[in-house]
Amino acid sequence: MHFTAEASSNGVVERNFTLGEVTGLLWSPASGSDRAARFFTRHLGRIIPPAA
């Protein structure tokens, strides 16, 4: 995992990352919190629409 950018606002740190070919975001408390980090990844594959 390689972090590519970081920003902080309202007690939350947002870090962009890449893991191989996959990109994503990691949100975590700025400090002193017992809450777990949240993350979002983006799959760059084909999007298949739902059946009608």
C-alpha atoms as a PDB file:
ATOM      1  CA  MET A   1       0.000   0.000   0.000  1.00  0.00           C
ATOM      2  CA  HIS A   2       1.314   3.404  -0.986  1.00  0.00           C
ATOM      3  CA  PHE A   3      -0.265   6.619   0.340  1.00  0.00           C
ATOM      4  CA  THR A   4      -0.461   9.254  -2.392  1.00  0.00           C
ATOM      5  CA  ALA A   5      -2.148  12.206  -0.601  1.00  0.00           C
ATOM      6  CA  GLU A   6      -3.329  13.262   2.854  1.00  0.00           C
ATOM      7  CA  ALA A   7      -5.759  15.903   4.129  1.00  0.00           C
ATOM      8  CA  SER A   8      -7.262  16.616   7.555  1.00  0.00           C
ATOM      9  CA  SER A   9     -10.521  18.358   8.436  1.00  0.00           C
ATOM     10  CA  ASN A  10     -12.950  18.331  11.386  1.00  0.00           C
ATOM     11  CA  GLY A  11     -11.011  15.675  13.296  1.00  0.00           C
ATOM     12  CA  VAL A  12     -10.826  13.245  10.358  1.00  0.00           C
ATOM     13  CA  VAL A  13      -7.736  12.359   8.323  1.00  0.00           C
ATOM     14  CA  GLU A  14      -8.322  11.310   4.699  1.00  0.00           C
ATOM     15  CA  ARG A  15      -5.536   9.426   2.916  1.00  0.00           C
ATOM     16  CA  ASN A  16      -5.582   8.430  -0.738  1.00  0.00           C
ATOM     17  CA  PHE A  17      -3.766   5.184  -1.454  1.00  0.00           C
ATOM     18  CA  THR A  18      -2.908   2.681  -4.142  1.00  0.00           C
ATOM     19  CA  LEU A  19      -2.492  -1.058  -3.689  1.00  0.00           C
ATOM     20  CA  GLY A  20      -1.153  -2.429  -6.922  1.00  0.00           C
ATOM     21  CA  GLU A  21      -3.660  -1.259  -9.562  1.00  0.00           C
ATOM     22  CA  VAL A  22      -6.419  -0.541  -7.026  1.00  0.00           C
ATOM     23  CA  THR A  23      -6.983   2.970  -5.681  1.00  0.00           C
ATOM     24  CA  GLY A  24      -8.856   3.905  -2.524  1.00  0.00           C
ATOM     25  CA  LEU A  25      -9.447   6.249   0.395  1.00  0.00           C
ATOM     26  CA  LEU A  26      -8.795   5.662   4.090  1.00  0.00           C
ATOM     27  CA  TRP A  27     -10.598   7.783   6.663  1.00  0.00           C
ATOM     28  CA  SER A  28      -9.419   7.683  10.274  1.00  0.00           C
ATOM     29  CA  PRO A  29      -9.792   9.798  13.420  1.00  0.00           C
ATOM     30  CA  ALA A  30      -7.172  12.544  13.672  1.00  0.00           C
ATOM     31  CA  SER A  31      -6.180  11.459  17.205  1.00  0.00           C
ATOM     32  CA  GLY A  32      -7.328  10.092  20.526  1.00  0.00           C
ATOM     33  CA  SER A  33     -10.367   8.190  19.327  1.00  0.00           C
ATOM     34  CA  ASP A  34     -11.207   4.527  19.840  1.00  0.00           C
ATOM     35  CA  ARG A  35     -13.212   4.351  16.601  1.00  0.00           C
ATOM     36  CA  ALA A  36     -11.953   2.183  13.766  1.00  0.00           C
ATOM     37  CA  ALA A  37     -10.713   3.590  10.472  1.00  0.00           C
ATOM     38  CA  ARG A  38     -13.021   3.421   7.441  1.00  0.00           C
ATOM     39  CA  PHE A  39     -11.854   2.742   3.921  1.00  0.00           C
ATOM     40  CA  PHE A  40     -13.182   2.779   0.379  1.00  0.00           C
ATOM     41  CA  THR A  41     -11.680   1.006  -2.598  1.00  0.00           C
ATOM     42  CA  ARG A  42     -12.506   1.358  -6.254  1.00  0.00           C
ATOM     43  CA  HIS A  43     -12.470  -1.548  -8.651  1.00  0.00           C
ATOM     44  CA  LEU A  44     -11.425  -0.471 -12.120  1.00  0.00           C
ATOM     45  CA  GLY A  45     -13.142  -3.390 -13.844  1.00  0.00           C
ATOM     46  CA  ARG A  46     -16.235  -3.400 -16.049  1.00  0.00           C
ATOM     47  CA  ILE A  47     -19.499  -2.312 -14.416  1.00  0.00           C
ATOM     48  CA  ILE A  48     -22.346  -4.737 -15.125  1.00  0.00           C
ATOM     49  CA  PRO A  49     -25.807  -3.121 -14.984  1.00  0.00           C
ATOM     50  CA  PRO A  50     -28.521  -4.916 -12.964  1.00  0.00           C
ATOM     51  CA  ALA A  51     -30.972  -7.103 -14.857  1.00  0.00           C
ATOM     52  CA  ALA A  52     -34.279  -5.440 -15.744  1.00  0.00           C
END
